[in-house]
Amino acid sequence: MPELLDELLLARNEAGGRFRKLITMYKKVELLIIDEMAINGATRRICLYII
């Protein structure tokens, strides 16, 4: 999970549409299980900022 969040943050701050490509890729996934949120202490505010 930390790697996913890092990748999304980096992509969001880059030019070239990488963030949009990542989001499009994740939209195609039928089921995405993210179970480390509580372990890493990511708050709702942080998660909403990233996405």
PDB file of N, CA and C in Angstrom:
ATOM      1  N   MET A   1       0.801  -1.198   0.000  1.00  0.00           N
ATOM      2  CA  MET A   1       0.000   0.000   0.000  1.00  0.00           C
ATOM      3  C   MET A   1       0.850   1.271   0.000  1.00  0.00           C
ATOM      4  N   PRO A   2       1.889   1.344   0.800  1.00  0.00           N
ATOM      5  CA  PRO A   2       2.702   2.568   0.765  1.00  0.00           C
ATOM      6  C   PRO A   2       3.254   2.845  -0.634  1.00  0.00           C
ATOM      7  N   GLU A   3       3.597   1.799  -1.353  1.00  0.00           N
ATOM      8  CA  GLU A   3       4.128   1.983  -2.693  1.00  0.00           C
ATOM      9  C   GLU A   3       3.061   2.547  -3.622  1.00  0.00           C
ATOM     10  N   LEU A   4       1.832   2.089  -3.474  1.00  0.00           N
ATOM     11  CA  LEU A   4       0.724   2.586  -4.293  1.00  0.00           C
ATOM     12  C   LEU A   4       0.497   4.069  -4.027  1.00  0.00           C
ATOM     13  N   LEU A   5       0.465   4.452  -2.762  1.00  0.00           N
ATOM     14  CA  LEU A   5       0.255   5.857  -2.413  1.00  0.00           C
ATOM     15  C   LEU A   5       1.389   6.727  -2.936  1.00  0.00           C
ATOM     16  N   ASP A   6       2.620   6.255  -2.800  1.00  0.00           N
ATOM     17  CA  ASP A   6       3.771   6.997  -3.325  1.00  0.00           C
ATOM     18  C   ASP A   6       3.669   7.166  -4.837  1.00  0.00           C
ATOM     19  N   GLU A   7       3.301   6.094  -5.517  1.00  0.00           N
ATOM     20  CA  GLU A   7       3.175   6.143  -6.972  1.00  0.00           C
ATOM     21  C   GLU A   7       2.097   7.138  -7.398  1.00  0.00           C
ATOM     22  N   LEU A   8       0.973   7.138  -6.702  1.00  0.00           N
ATOM     23  CA  LEU A   8      -0.100   8.072  -7.038  1.00  0.00           C
ATOM     24  C   LEU A   8       0.305   9.514  -6.766  1.00  0.00           C
ATOM     25  N   LEU A   9       0.975   9.752  -5.663  1.00  0.00           N
ATOM     26  CA  LEU A   9       1.429  11.113  -5.355  1.00  0.00           C
ATOM     27  C   LEU A   9       2.427  11.612  -6.387  1.00  0.00           C
ATOM     28  N   LEU A  10       3.377  10.772  -6.757  1.00  0.00           N
ATOM     29  CA  LEU A  10       4.365  11.167  -7.760  1.00  0.00           C
ATOM     30  C   LEU A  10       3.696  11.432  -9.102  1.00  0.00           C
ATOM     31  N   ALA A  11       2.800  10.550  -9.489  1.00  0.00           N
ATOM     32  CA  ALA A  11       2.120  10.704 -10.767  1.00  0.00           C
ATOM     33  C   ALA A  11       1.259  11.961 -10.791  1.00  0.00           C
ATOM     34  N   ARG A  12       0.656  12.277  -9.672  1.00  0.00           N
ATOM     35  CA  ARG A  12      -0.203  13.469  -9.608  1.00  0.00           C
ATOM     36  C   ARG A  12       0.601  14.748  -9.802  1.00  0.00           C
ATOM     37  N   ASN A  13       1.852  14.730  -9.362  1.00  0.00           N
ATOM     38  CA  ASN A  13       2.689  15.920  -9.457  1.00  0.00           C
ATOM     39  C   ASN A  13       3.497  15.991 -10.748  1.00  0.00           C
ATOM     40  N   GLU A  14       3.400  14.981 -11.596  1.00  0.00           N
ATOM     41  CA  GLU A  14       4.134  14.961 -12.856  1.00  0.00           C
ATOM     42  C   GLU A  14       3.259  15.435 -14.001  1.00  0.00           C
ATOM     43  N   ALA A  15       3.901  15.920 -15.029  1.00  0.00           N
ATOM     44  CA  ALA A  15       3.192  16.264 -16.262  1.00  0.00           C
ATOM     45  C   ALA A  15       3.175  15.025 -17.156  1.00  0.00           C
ATOM     46  N   GLY A  16       2.363  15.044 -18.164  1.00  0.00           N
ATOM     47  CA  GLY A  16       2.370  13.958 -19.132  1.00  0.00           C
ATOM     48  C   GLY A  16       1.232  12.975 -19.012  1.00  0.00           C
ATOM     49  N   GLY A  17       0.304  13.200 -18.081  1.00  0.00           N
ATOM     50  CA  GLY A  17      -0.871  12.344 -18.000  1.00  0.00           C
ATOM     51  C   GLY A  17      -0.672  11.010 -17.313  1.00  0.00           C
ATOM     52  N   ARG A  18       0.422  10.847 -16.586  1.00  0.00           N
ATOM     53  CA  ARG A  18       0.663   9.570 -15.904  1.00  0.00           C
ATOM     54  C   ARG A  18      -0.396   9.275 -14.846  1.00  0.00           C
ATOM     55  N   PHE A  19      -0.820  10.296 -14.120  1.00  0.00           N
ATOM     56  CA  PHE A  19      -1.835  10.107 -13.084  1.00  0.00           C
ATOM     57  C   PHE A  19      -3.134   9.611 -13.703  1.00  0.00           C
ATOM     58  N   ARG A  20      -3.532  10.237 -14.788  1.00  0.00           N
ATOM     59  CA  ARG A  20      -4.772   9.842 -15.463  1.00  0.00           C
ATOM     60  C   ARG A  20      -4.682   8.400 -15.959  1.00  0.00           C
ATOM     61  N   LYS A  21      -3.518   7.996 -16.466  1.00  0.00           N
ATOM     62  CA  LYS A  21      -3.331   6.623 -16.929  1.00  0.00           C
ATOM     63  C   LYS A  21      -3.444   5.632 -15.767  1.00  0.00           C
ATOM     64  N   LEU A  22      -2.845   5.975 -14.624  1.00  0.00           N
ATOM     65  CA  LEU A  22      -2.937   5.099 -13.454  1.00  0.00           C
ATOM     66  C   LEU A  22      -4.377   4.957 -12.975  1.00  0.00           C
ATOM     67  N   ILE A  23      -5.080   6.071 -12.895  1.00  0.00           N
ATOM     68  CA  ILE A  23      -6.467   6.036 -12.441  1.00  0.00           C
ATOM     69  C   ILE A  23      -7.311   5.203 -13.406  1.00  0.00           C
ATOM     70  N   THR A  24      -7.082   5.376 -14.699  1.00  0.00           N
ATOM     71  CA  THR A  24      -7.813   4.591 -15.698  1.00  0.00           C
ATOM     72  C   THR A  24      -7.524   3.107 -15.522  1.00  0.00           C
ATOM     73  N   MET A  25      -6.270   2.772 -15.246  1.00  0.00           N
ATOM     74  CA  MET A  25      -5.899   1.378 -15.034  1.00  0.00           C
ATOM     75  C   MET A  25      -6.619   0.799 -13.808  1.00  0.00           C
ATOM     76  N   TYR A  26      -6.650   1.564 -12.715  1.00  0.00           N
ATOM     77  CA  TYR A  26      -7.300   1.070 -11.501  1.00  0.00           C
ATOM     78  C   TYR A  26      -8.818   1.014 -11.643  1.00  0.00           C
ATOM     79  N   LYS A  27      -9.399   1.827 -12.506  1.00  0.00           N
ATOM     80  CA  LYS A  27     -10.841   1.772 -12.742  1.00  0.00           C
ATOM     81  C   LYS A  27     -11.243   0.465 -13.417  1.00  0.00           C
ATOM     82  N   LYS A  28     -10.336  -0.130 -14.161  1.00  0.00           N
ATOM     83  CA  LYS A  28     -10.625  -1.371 -14.878  1.00  0.00           C
ATOM     84  C   LYS A  28     -10.620  -2.588 -13.958  1.00  0.00           C
ATOM     85  N   VAL A  29     -10.022  -2.455 -12.808  1.00  0.00           N
ATOM     86  CA  VAL A  29      -9.937  -3.560 -11.855  1.00  0.00           C
ATOM     87  C   VAL A  29     -11.316  -3.772 -11.229  1.00  0.00           C
ATOM     88  N   GLU A  30     -11.779  -5.012 -11.245  1.00  0.00           N
ATOM     89  CA  GLU A  30     -13.094  -5.304 -10.675  1.00  0.00           C
ATOM     90  C   GLU A  30     -13.077  -5.284  -9.152  1.00  0.00           C
ATOM     91  N   LEU A  31     -11.973  -5.704  -8.565  1.00  0.00           N
ATOM     92  CA  LEU A  31     -11.875  -5.734  -7.111  1.00  0.00           C
ATOM     93  C   LEU A  31     -10.456  -5.357  -6.717  1.00  0.00           C
ATOM     94  N   LEU A  32     -10.334  -4.290  -5.953  1.00  0.00           N
ATOM     95  CA  LEU A  32      -9.035  -3.842  -5.468  1.00  0.00           C
ATOM     96  C   LEU A  32      -9.111  -3.831  -3.947  1.00  0.00           C
ATOM     97  N   ILE A  33      -8.362  -4.698  -3.320  1.00  0.00           N
ATOM     98  CA  ILE A  33      -8.381  -4.803  -1.862  1.00  0.00           C
ATOM     99  C   ILE A  33      -7.197  -4.030  -1.309  1.00  0.00           C
ATOM    100  N   ILE A  34      -7.509  -3.034  -0.522  1.00  0.00           N
ATOM    101  CA  ILE A  34      -6.475  -2.216   0.119  1.00  0.00           C
ATOM    102  C   ILE A  34      -6.654  -2.416   1.617  1.00  0.00           C
ATOM    103  N   ASP A  35      -5.777  -3.205   2.198  1.00  0.00           N
ATOM    104  CA  ASP A  35      -5.970  -3.561   3.600  1.00  0.00           C
ATOM    105  C   ASP A  35      -4.934  -2.973   4.538  1.00  0.00           C
ATOM    106  N   GLU A  36      -4.017  -2.177   4.047  1.00  0.00           N
ATOM    107  CA  GLU A  36      -2.981  -1.626   4.912  1.00  0.00           C
ATOM    108  C   GLU A  36      -3.285  -0.214   5.387  1.00  0.00           C
ATOM    109  N   MET A  37      -4.432   0.331   5.039  1.00  0.00           N
ATOM    110  CA  MET A  37      -4.766   1.703   5.428  1.00  0.00           C
ATOM    111  C   MET A  37      -4.713   1.878   6.946  1.00  0.00           C
ATOM    112  N   ALA A  38      -5.358   0.992   7.662  1.00  0.00           N
ATOM    113  CA  ALA A  38      -5.399   1.118   9.119  1.00  0.00           C
ATOM    114  C   ALA A  38      -4.033   0.861   9.738  1.00  0.00           C
ATOM    115  N   ILE A  39      -3.281  -0.046   9.144  1.00  0.00           N
ATOM    116  CA  ILE A  39      -1.960  -0.372   9.680  1.00  0.00           C
ATOM    117  C   ILE A  39      -1.025   0.825   9.579  1.00  0.00           C
ATOM    118  N   ASN A  40      -1.048   1.504   8.456  1.00  0.00           N
ATOM    119  CA  ASN A  40      -0.140   2.624   8.224  1.00  0.00           C
ATOM    120  C   ASN A  40      -0.665   3.940   8.767  1.00  0.00           C
ATOM    121  N   GLY A  41      -1.891   3.943   9.231  1.00  0.00           N
ATOM    122  CA  GLY A  41      -2.444   5.145   9.825  1.00  0.00           C
ATOM    123  C   GLY A  41      -2.805   6.233   8.829  1.00  0.00           C
ATOM    124  N   ALA A  42      -3.052   5.875   7.581  1.00  0.00           N
ATOM    125  CA  ALA A  42      -3.462   6.866   6.591  1.00  0.00           C
ATOM    126  C   ALA A  42      -4.846   7.374   6.964  1.00  0.00           C
ATOM    127  N   THR A  43      -4.970   8.668   7.041  1.00  0.00           N
ATOM    128  CA  THR A  43      -6.260   9.242   7.397  1.00  0.00           C
ATOM    129  C   THR A  43      -7.119   9.407   6.154  1.00  0.00           C
ATOM    130  N   ARG A  44      -8.393   9.567   6.376  1.00  0.00           N
ATOM    131  CA  ARG A  44      -9.319   9.785   5.258  1.00  0.00           C
ATOM    132  C   ARG A  44      -8.907  11.012   4.462  1.00  0.00           C
ATOM    133  N   ARG A  45      -8.484  12.051   5.154  1.00  0.00           N
ATOM    134  CA  ARG A  45      -8.070  13.290   4.490  1.00  0.00           C
ATOM    135  C   ARG A  45      -6.896  13.049   3.546  1.00  0.00           C
ATOM    136  N   ILE A  46      -5.907  12.272   3.998  1.00  0.00           N
ATOM    137  CA  ILE A  46      -4.752  11.953   3.163  1.00  0.00           C
ATOM    138  C   ILE A  46      -5.184  11.152   1.948  1.00  0.00           C
ATOM    139  N   CYS A  47      -6.020  10.160   2.164  1.00  0.00           N
ATOM    140  CA  CYS A  47      -6.475   9.301   1.064  1.00  0.00           C
ATOM    141  C   CYS A  47      -7.260  10.115   0.038  1.00  0.00           C
ATOM    142  N   LEU A  48      -8.114  11.004   0.484  1.00  0.00           N
ATOM    143  CA  LEU A  48      -8.891  11.827  -0.451  1.00  0.00           C
ATOM    144  C   LEU A  48      -7.999  12.793  -1.205  1.00  0.00           C
ATOM    145  N   TYR A  49      -6.958  13.306  -0.557  1.00  0.00           N
ATOM    146  CA  TYR A  49      -6.033  14.213  -1.228  1.00  0.00           C
ATOM    147  C   TYR A  49      -5.297  13.488  -2.355  1.00  0.00           C
ATOM    148  N   ILE A  50      -4.894  12.276  -2.099  1.00  0.00           N
ATOM    149  CA  ILE A  50      -4.137  11.509  -3.080  1.00  0.00           C
ATOM    150  C   ILE A  50      -4.985  11.220  -4.310  1.00  0.00           C
ATOM    151  N   ILE A  51      -6.198  10.780  -4.065  1.00  0.00           N
ATOM    152  CA  ILE A  51      -7.074  10.397  -5.178  1.00  0.00           C
ATOM    153  C   ILE A  51      -7.906  11.570  -5.584  1.00  0.00           C
TER     154      ILE A  51
END
